[in-house]
């Protein structure tokens, strides 16, 4: 399973009260505007992603652009994984 699919799976799990299927998401959806993530949901998502990928999101790296889409979040995670090597 690639990083995008892993991120997508975690995002969907965080949206468990909604019936969002993996096949319905393209990666271009905004976590905030399209999927309705609020600040608490974003924090929970960050914690899960940090645990899953064994990475650390630094406060200075975080911006709304990071959560612009699932694709942008995936790109950032790929960058952090490379940086950790």
C-alpha atoms as a PDB file:
ATOM      1  CA  UNK A   1       0.000   0.000   0.000  1.00  0.00           C
ATOM      2  CA  UNK A   2       1.397   3.392  -0.988  1.00  0.00           C
ATOM      3  CA  UNK A   3       1.576   6.455   1.219  1.00  0.00           C
ATOM      4  CA  UNK A   4      -1.409   8.100  -0.498  1.00  0.00           C
ATOM      5  CA  UNK A   5      -3.582   5.026   0.119  1.00  0.00           C
ATOM      6  CA  UNK A   6      -2.454   4.883   3.759  1.00  0.00           C
ATOM      7  CA  UNK A   7      -3.238   8.590   4.297  1.00  0.00           C
ATOM      8  CA  UNK A   8      -6.581   8.143   2.549  1.00  0.00           C
ATOM      9  CA  UNK A   9      -7.464   5.187   4.767  1.00  0.00           C
ATOM     10  CA  UNK A  10      -6.686   7.179   7.935  1.00  0.00           C
ATOM     11  CA  UNK A  11      -8.666  10.209   6.693  1.00  0.00           C
ATOM     12  CA  UNK A  12     -11.659   7.960   5.992  1.00  0.00           C
ATOM     13  CA  UNK A  13     -11.371   6.369   9.428  1.00  0.00           C
ATOM     14  CA  UNK A  14     -11.431   9.850  10.982  1.00  0.00           C
ATOM     15  CA  UNK A  15     -14.664  10.487   9.059  1.00  0.00           C
ATOM     16  CA  UNK A  16     -16.264   7.266  10.281  1.00  0.00           C
ATOM     17  CA  UNK A  17     -19.577   8.900  11.146  1.00  0.00           C
ATOM     18  CA  UNK A  18     -19.942   9.844   7.497  1.00  0.00           C
ATOM     19  CA  UNK A  19     -20.246   7.295   4.778  1.00  0.00           C
ATOM     20  CA  UNK A  20     -17.295   8.369   2.676  1.00  0.00           C
ATOM     21  CA  UNK A  21     -15.901   5.592   0.563  1.00  0.00           C
ATOM     22  CA  UNK A  22     -12.310   5.438  -0.572  1.00  0.00           C
ATOM     23  CA  UNK A  23     -13.541   5.217  -4.155  1.00  0.00           C
ATOM     24  CA  UNK A  24     -15.380   8.535  -3.763  1.00  0.00           C
ATOM     25  CA  UNK A  25     -12.248  10.521  -2.919  1.00  0.00           C
ATOM     26  CA  UNK A  26      -9.786  11.709  -5.541  1.00  0.00           C
ATOM     27  CA  UNK A  27      -7.195  13.352  -3.294  1.00  0.00           C
ATOM     28  CA  UNK A  28      -8.095  16.861  -4.407  1.00  0.00           C
ATOM     29  CA  UNK A  29     -10.735  17.329  -1.701  1.00  0.00           C
ATOM     30  CA  UNK A  30     -10.022  19.942   0.956  1.00  0.00           C
ATOM     31  CA  UNK A  31      -9.913  18.400   4.403  1.00  0.00           C
ATOM     32  CA  UNK A  32     -11.523  21.514   5.858  1.00  0.00           C
ATOM     33  CA  UNK A  33     -13.902  22.801   3.191  1.00  0.00           C
ATOM     34  CA  UNK A  34     -14.977  19.591   1.447  1.00  0.00           C
ATOM     35  CA  UNK A  35     -14.659  16.980   4.178  1.00  0.00           C
ATOM     36  CA  UNK A  36     -15.593  19.202   7.121  1.00  0.00           C
ATOM     37  CA  UNK A  37     -12.560  18.689   9.336  1.00  0.00           C
ATOM     38  CA  UNK A  38     -12.505  21.094  12.277  1.00  0.00           C
ATOM     39  CA  UNK A  39      -9.510  21.939  14.472  1.00  0.00           C
ATOM     40  CA  UNK A  40     -10.044  18.996  16.849  1.00  0.00           C
ATOM     41  CA  UNK A  41     -10.414  16.548  13.961  1.00  0.00           C
ATOM     42  CA  UNK A  42      -7.231  17.929  12.382  1.00  0.00           C
ATOM     43  CA  UNK A  43      -5.321  17.445  15.636  1.00  0.00           C
ATOM     44  CA  UNK A  44      -6.578  13.875  15.909  1.00  0.00           C
ATOM     45  CA  UNK A  45      -5.610  13.256  12.290  1.00  0.00           C
ATOM     46  CA  UNK A  46      -2.117  14.680  12.853  1.00  0.00           C
ATOM     47  CA  UNK A  47      -1.604  12.464  15.904  1.00  0.00           C
ATOM     48  CA  UNK A  48      -2.711   9.367  14.002  1.00  0.00           C
ATOM     49  CA  UNK A  49      -0.497  10.222  11.022  1.00  0.00           C
ATOM     50  CA  UNK A  50       2.511  10.874  13.277  1.00  0.00           C
ATOM     51  CA  UNK A  51       2.006   7.529  15.013  1.00  0.00           C
ATOM     52  CA  UNK A  52       1.364   5.604  11.807  1.00  0.00           C
ATOM     53  CA  UNK A  53       4.300   6.992   9.829  1.00  0.00           C
ATOM     54  CA  UNK A  54       6.655   7.566  12.802  1.00  0.00           C
ATOM     55  CA  UNK A  55       7.104  11.245  11.875  1.00  0.00           C
ATOM     56  CA  UNK A  56       6.786  14.573  13.691  1.00  0.00           C
ATOM     57  CA  UNK A  57       4.804  17.527  12.410  1.00  0.00           C
ATOM     58  CA  UNK A  58       6.673  20.662  13.492  1.00  0.00           C
ATOM     59  CA  UNK A  59       4.520  23.650  14.448  1.00  0.00           C
ATOM     60  CA  UNK A  60       6.449  25.972  12.142  1.00  0.00           C
ATOM     61  CA  UNK A  61       5.714  23.677   9.182  1.00  0.00           C
ATOM     62  CA  UNK A  62       1.964  23.706   9.683  1.00  0.00           C
ATOM     63  CA  UNK A  63      -0.317  25.945   7.671  1.00  0.00           C
ATOM     64  CA  UNK A  64      -3.750  25.776   6.106  1.00  0.00           C
ATOM     65  CA  UNK A  65      -2.012  25.018   2.787  1.00  0.00           C
ATOM     66  CA  UNK A  66      -0.891  21.717   4.273  1.00  0.00           C
ATOM     67  CA  UNK A  67      -4.542  20.683   4.624  1.00  0.00           C
ATOM     68  CA  UNK A  68      -5.594  22.110   1.268  1.00  0.00           C
ATOM     69  CA  UNK A  69      -6.073  18.583  -0.033  1.00  0.00           C
ATOM     70  CA  UNK A  70      -5.323  14.972   0.746  1.00  0.00           C
ATOM     71  CA  UNK A  71      -2.677  15.197  -1.985  1.00  0.00           C
ATOM     72  CA  UNK A  72      -0.914  18.156  -0.341  1.00  0.00           C
ATOM     73  CA  UNK A  73      -0.957  16.373   3.018  1.00  0.00           C
ATOM     74  CA  UNK A  74       0.443  13.228   1.399  1.00  0.00           C
ATOM     75  CA  UNK A  75       3.223  15.239  -0.263  1.00  0.00           C
ATOM     76  CA  UNK A  76       4.164  16.765   3.076  1.00  0.00           C
ATOM     77  CA  UNK A  77       4.247  13.343   4.746  1.00  0.00           C
ATOM     78  CA  UNK A  78       6.446  11.988   1.944  1.00  0.00           C
ATOM     79  CA  UNK A  79       8.789  14.944   2.524  1.00  0.00           C
ATOM     80  CA  UNK A  80       8.942  14.223   6.277  1.00  0.00           C
ATOM     81  CA  UNK A  81       9.615  10.523   5.678  1.00  0.00           C
ATOM     82  CA  UNK A  82      12.504  11.387   3.319  1.00  0.00           C
ATOM     83  CA  UNK A  83      13.851  13.901   5.834  1.00  0.00           C
ATOM     84  CA  UNK A  84      13.819  11.268   8.595  1.00  0.00           C
ATOM     85  CA  UNK A  85      16.009   8.853   6.556  1.00  0.00           C
END
